[in-house]
Amino acid sequence: MTGVDYAVLTKGANISLLADSEVAGAQLQVVVEWADPKAAADVDVSALLLGGDGRVRSDADFVFYNAPVGGDGSVRLLGKRSADERGEDRVAVDLEALPVGVEA
């Protein structure tokens, strides 16, 4: 994969990542945007690192506001930003550095 590729997902959607042979050196950044950062609703991004069986292996596989780094540092919450018309929260994933047993 070269350049910047993206997918737009709706609430509750998920997407499979690249096959192992395609992830060497790959960096992934997930950006969640919402229309009005001043609205009563707020968004908190979280990430789950899953094994081949589709389950988290331990509590260390949950990445969220109170545990912003997981997967031995390969997954990190980057924090919220807001502008006048939108807000966003981001998570970065170093696909090459994911721990053994985590399926991309």
Protein backbone atom coordinates (compact mmCIF):
# COMPACT_ATOMS: atom_id res chain seq x y z
CA MET A 1 0.00 0.00 0.00
CA THR A 2 1.42 3.37 -0.93
CA GLY A 3 0.28 6.88 -0.19
CA VAL A 4 -2.73 7.54 1.96
CA ASP A 5 -5.65 5.15 1.76
CA TYR A 6 -8.79 5.49 3.81
CA ALA A 7 -12.16 3.92 4.49
CA VAL A 8 -15.23 5.61 5.88
CA LEU A 9 -17.07 3.49 8.45
CA THR A 10 -20.46 4.00 10.04
CA LYS A 11 -21.28 3.49 13.72
CA GLY A 12 -20.65 -0.13 14.75
CA ALA A 13 -18.83 -1.04 11.53
CA ASN A 14 -15.46 -2.77 11.37
CA ILE A 15 -12.88 -3.50 8.72
CA SER A 16 -10.17 -6.14 8.25
CA LEU A 17 -6.62 -4.90 7.82
CA LEU A 18 -4.07 -6.00 5.25
CA ALA A 19 -2.66 -9.49 4.93
CA ASP A 20 0.58 -10.07 6.86
CA SER A 21 2.69 -9.89 3.68
CA GLU A 22 1.44 -6.36 3.05
CA VAL A 23 1.99 -4.73 6.46
CA ALA A 24 5.77 -4.38 6.62
CA GLY A 25 6.44 -0.89 7.92
CA ALA A 26 2.77 0.01 7.75
CA GLN A 27 1.41 2.72 10.01
CA LEU A 28 -2.30 3.10 10.56
CA GLN A 29 -4.08 6.12 11.98
CA VAL A 30 -7.77 6.01 12.82
CA VAL A 31 -9.57 9.34 12.98
CA VAL A 32 -13.07 9.61 14.42
CA GLU A 33 -14.78 12.89 13.59
CA TRP A 34 -18.03 14.38 14.82
CA ALA A 35 -19.87 17.45 13.60
CA ASP A 36 -20.18 19.66 16.67
CA PRO A 37 -17.49 19.48 19.37
CA LYS A 38 -19.61 21.71 21.63
CA ALA A 39 -22.64 19.38 21.57
CA ALA A 40 -23.67 17.47 24.68
CA ALA A 41 -22.50 14.19 23.16
CA ASP A 42 -18.80 13.41 23.30
CA VAL A 43 -16.81 10.68 21.61
CA ASP A 44 -14.04 8.57 23.15
CA VAL A 45 -12.07 6.34 20.82
CA SER A 46 -10.94 2.94 22.07
CA ALA A 47 -9.07 0.06 20.47
CA LEU A 48 -9.09 -3.68 21.15
CA LEU A 49 -6.17 -5.87 20.14
CA LEU A 50 -7.58 -9.24 19.12
CA GLY A 51 -6.00 -12.65 18.79
CA GLY A 52 -6.76 -15.14 16.04
CA ASP A 53 -9.84 -16.29 17.94
CA GLY A 54 -11.33 -12.76 17.81
CA ARG A 55 -10.88 -12.17 21.55
CA VAL A 56 -8.64 -9.90 23.58
CA ARG A 57 -5.78 -11.79 25.17
CA SER A 58 -5.61 -9.76 28.42
CA ASP A 59 -6.53 -6.38 29.92
CA ALA A 60 -3.41 -4.95 28.25
CA ASP A 61 -5.21 -5.40 24.91
CA PHE A 62 -7.74 -2.66 25.79
CA VAL A 63 -6.63 0.83 24.74
CA PHE A 64 -8.83 3.71 25.94
CA TYR A 65 -8.70 7.09 27.70
CA ASN A 66 -7.52 5.61 31.01
CA ALA A 67 -5.00 3.24 29.36
CA PRO A 68 -3.83 5.19 26.28
CA VAL A 69 -1.05 2.81 25.20
CA GLY A 70 -1.32 -0.91 24.47
CA GLY A 71 0.27 -3.71 22.52
CA ASP A 72 3.73 -3.01 23.93
CA GLY A 73 3.47 0.56 22.60
CA SER A 74 2.28 -0.37 19.11
CA VAL A 75 -1.17 1.18 19.69
CA ARG A 76 -1.51 4.71 21.10
CA LEU A 77 -4.33 7.16 21.60
CA LEU A 78 -3.23 10.49 20.17
CA GLY A 79 -5.91 12.57 21.87
CA LYS A 80 -8.79 14.81 20.99
CA ARG A 81 -8.73 17.95 18.93
CA SER A 82 -11.53 20.33 18.15
CA ALA A 83 -12.12 23.08 15.65
CA ASP A 84 -15.04 25.47 15.31
CA GLU A 85 -17.22 23.03 13.36
CA ARG A 86 -15.96 19.57 14.28
CA GLY A 87 -14.17 17.46 16.84
CA GLU A 88 -11.94 14.45 16.39
CA ASP A 89 -10.18 11.73 18.34
CA ARG A 90 -7.30 9.65 16.93
CA VAL A 91 -5.53 6.36 17.51
CA ALA A 92 -2.24 5.31 15.87
CA VAL A 93 -1.20 1.71 15.17
CA ASP A 94 2.24 0.49 14.16
CA LEU A 95 1.24 -2.71 12.36
CA GLU A 96 4.79 -4.03 12.21
CA ALA A 97 5.25 -3.66 15.99
CA LEU A 98 2.05 -5.44 17.05
CA PRO A 99 2.76 -8.18 19.60
CA VAL A 100 2.92 -11.81 18.50
CA GLY A 101 -0.56 -13.28 18.68
CA VAL A 102 -2.40 -10.10 17.69
CA GLU A 103 -4.11 -10.54 14.32
CA ALA A 104 -4.10 -7.47 12.04
